[in-house]
């Protein structure tokens, strides 16, 4: 059943995936290993936003911290769209506070490019940023 649903999700695209996630398909929402993120250097990272927003520093323990930069809720459901050696794409839904889709491209173990867009607190967002490991935390 999950294999058939997964094939249909690929064919239907991201919008359909978000609808299915909202209707309660949690098993697929948690699938995917996201090994690339786990291989990033641990420690303090500085995120530089290309729109001129102030830099942000985060403590990276698993790499998953980059997925939900505009949603701090821990219990958002996630759907792994792409899980490659140098790029991951994750779509997530935070019940009652919107959703997002994040692309993370690894350049090195201490440098990634991040693009994310969605809805947070009822407002649309779009971000384009570079994150670099800058120290320990």
Protein backbone atom coordinates (compact mmCIF):
# COMPACT_ATOMS: atom_id res chain seq x y z
CA UNK A 1 0.00 0.00 0.00
CA UNK A 2 2.73 2.50 0.92
CA UNK A 3 4.72 1.68 -2.23
CA UNK A 4 1.69 2.38 -4.43
CA UNK A 5 0.95 5.59 -2.52
CA UNK A 6 4.59 6.68 -2.83
CA UNK A 7 4.51 6.22 -6.62
CA UNK A 8 1.30 8.21 -6.81
CA UNK A 9 2.82 10.99 -4.70
CA UNK A 10 5.76 11.26 -7.09
CA UNK A 11 3.36 11.51 -10.01
CA UNK A 12 0.95 13.94 -8.38
CA UNK A 13 3.67 16.28 -7.18
CA UNK A 14 4.22 18.39 -4.11
CA UNK A 15 0.76 19.97 -3.89
CA UNK A 16 -0.95 16.60 -3.75
CA UNK A 17 1.60 15.40 -1.21
CA UNK A 18 0.70 18.32 1.07
CA UNK A 19 -3.00 17.51 0.78
CA UNK A 20 -2.40 13.85 1.62
CA UNK A 21 -0.19 14.78 4.57
CA UNK A 22 -2.87 17.09 5.91
CA UNK A 23 -5.37 14.23 5.62
CA UNK A 24 -3.21 11.97 7.74
CA UNK A 25 -0.55 9.91 5.98
CA UNK A 26 2.04 10.04 8.80
CA UNK A 27 4.02 6.93 7.83
CA UNK A 28 5.19 8.49 4.59
CA UNK A 29 5.70 11.84 6.27
CA UNK A 30 8.49 10.34 8.35
CA UNK A 31 10.15 8.28 5.62
CA UNK A 32 13.61 9.01 4.27
CA UNK A 33 16.95 8.89 6.01
CA UNK A 34 18.32 12.34 5.09
CA UNK A 35 21.84 10.97 5.55
CA UNK A 36 23.39 14.01 3.87
CA UNK A 37 22.20 16.23 6.73
CA UNK A 38 23.60 13.83 9.32
CA UNK A 39 27.02 14.08 7.67
CA UNK A 40 27.28 17.84 8.09
CA UNK A 41 29.75 19.21 10.64
CA UNK A 42 28.22 19.63 14.09
CA UNK A 43 28.49 22.94 15.93
CA UNK A 44 27.50 26.58 15.48
CA UNK A 45 26.42 27.61 12.00
CA UNK A 46 25.77 31.12 10.73
CA UNK A 47 22.94 31.57 8.26
CA UNK A 48 23.31 34.53 5.89
CA UNK A 49 20.06 35.49 4.20
CA UNK A 50 20.35 36.84 0.67
CA UNK A 51 17.51 39.33 1.20
CA UNK A 52 19.53 41.35 3.69
CA UNK A 53 17.82 40.00 6.83
CA UNK A 54 20.13 39.81 9.85
CA UNK A 55 22.40 36.76 10.10
CA UNK A 56 21.16 33.99 12.36
CA UNK A 57 23.24 31.55 14.39
CA UNK A 58 22.01 28.08 15.22
CA UNK A 59 23.52 25.08 16.94
CA UNK A 60 23.49 22.12 14.56
CA UNK A 61 23.36 18.70 16.18
CA UNK A 62 21.78 16.61 13.42
CA UNK A 63 21.43 18.84 10.35
CA UNK A 64 17.65 18.61 10.59
CA UNK A 65 17.69 22.11 12.11
CA UNK A 66 17.95 23.57 8.59
CA UNK A 67 14.61 22.14 7.43
CA UNK A 68 12.23 24.32 9.45
CA UNK A 69 13.95 27.70 9.79
CA UNK A 70 10.58 29.54 9.93
CA UNK A 71 8.75 26.96 12.06
CA UNK A 72 10.13 26.14 15.50
CA UNK A 73 7.49 23.54 16.38
CA UNK A 74 8.99 20.09 17.01
CA UNK A 75 5.98 18.01 15.94
CA UNK A 76 5.58 18.99 12.30
CA UNK A 77 5.00 16.13 9.87
CA UNK A 78 7.62 15.76 7.13
CA UNK A 79 7.61 14.26 3.68
CA UNK A 80 10.99 13.61 2.05
CA UNK A 81 10.73 14.58 -1.61
CA UNK A 82 14.43 14.09 -2.48
CA UNK A 83 17.12 12.38 -0.44
CA UNK A 84 20.37 12.57 -2.39
CA UNK A 85 24.05 12.52 -1.54
CA UNK A 86 24.37 16.30 -1.92
CA UNK A 87 20.79 17.59 -1.95
CA UNK A 88 17.64 17.03 0.08
CA UNK A 89 14.15 18.41 -0.34
CA UNK A 90 11.62 18.12 2.46
CA UNK A 91 8.03 19.27 2.58
CA UNK A 92 6.56 19.72 6.05
CA UNK A 93 3.27 20.66 7.65
CA UNK A 94 2.92 22.22 11.11
CA UNK A 95 -0.68 21.75 12.14
CA UNK A 96 -2.22 25.11 12.96
CA UNK A 97 0.83 27.13 11.84
CA UNK A 98 1.34 26.48 8.14
CA UNK A 99 3.78 24.51 6.06
CA UNK A 100 6.99 24.76 4.09
CA UNK A 101 9.16 23.16 1.47
CA UNK A 102 12.92 23.32 1.95
CA UNK A 103 15.76 22.48 -0.44
CA UNK A 104 19.22 22.05 1.06
CA UNK A 105 22.25 21.63 -1.19
CA UNK A 106 25.54 20.54 0.36
CA UNK A 107 28.67 22.18 -1.02
CA UNK A 108 30.99 20.87 1.71
CA UNK A 109 30.50 19.40 5.16
CA UNK A 110 30.52 22.93 6.55
CA UNK A 111 28.71 24.90 3.81
CA UNK A 112 25.14 24.50 2.52
CA UNK A 113 22.73 26.48 0.36
CA UNK A 114 19.13 26.69 1.61
CA UNK A 115 15.94 27.66 -0.17
CA UNK A 116 12.60 27.48 1.59
CA UNK A 117 9.10 28.78 1.07
CA UNK A 118 5.69 28.30 2.59
CA UNK A 119 3.25 29.79 5.09
CA UNK A 120 4.13 30.63 8.71
CA UNK A 121 1.68 32.23 11.16
CA UNK A 122 -0.73 32.88 8.30
CA UNK A 123 1.82 34.76 6.17
CA UNK A 124 3.80 33.60 3.13
CA UNK A 125 7.57 33.39 3.37
CA UNK A 126 10.41 32.70 0.97
CA UNK A 127 14.04 32.51 1.96
CA UNK A 128 17.29 32.01 0.14
CA UNK A 129 20.36 31.61 2.34
CA UNK A 130 23.83 30.23 2.78
CA UNK A 131 24.79 28.49 6.02
CA UNK A 132 28.38 27.97 7.10
CA UNK A 133 29.86 26.30 10.18
CA UNK A 134 31.46 29.05 12.27
CA UNK A 135 32.43 27.39 15.56
CA UNK A 136 31.41 25.25 18.50
CA UNK A 137 28.24 25.51 20.53
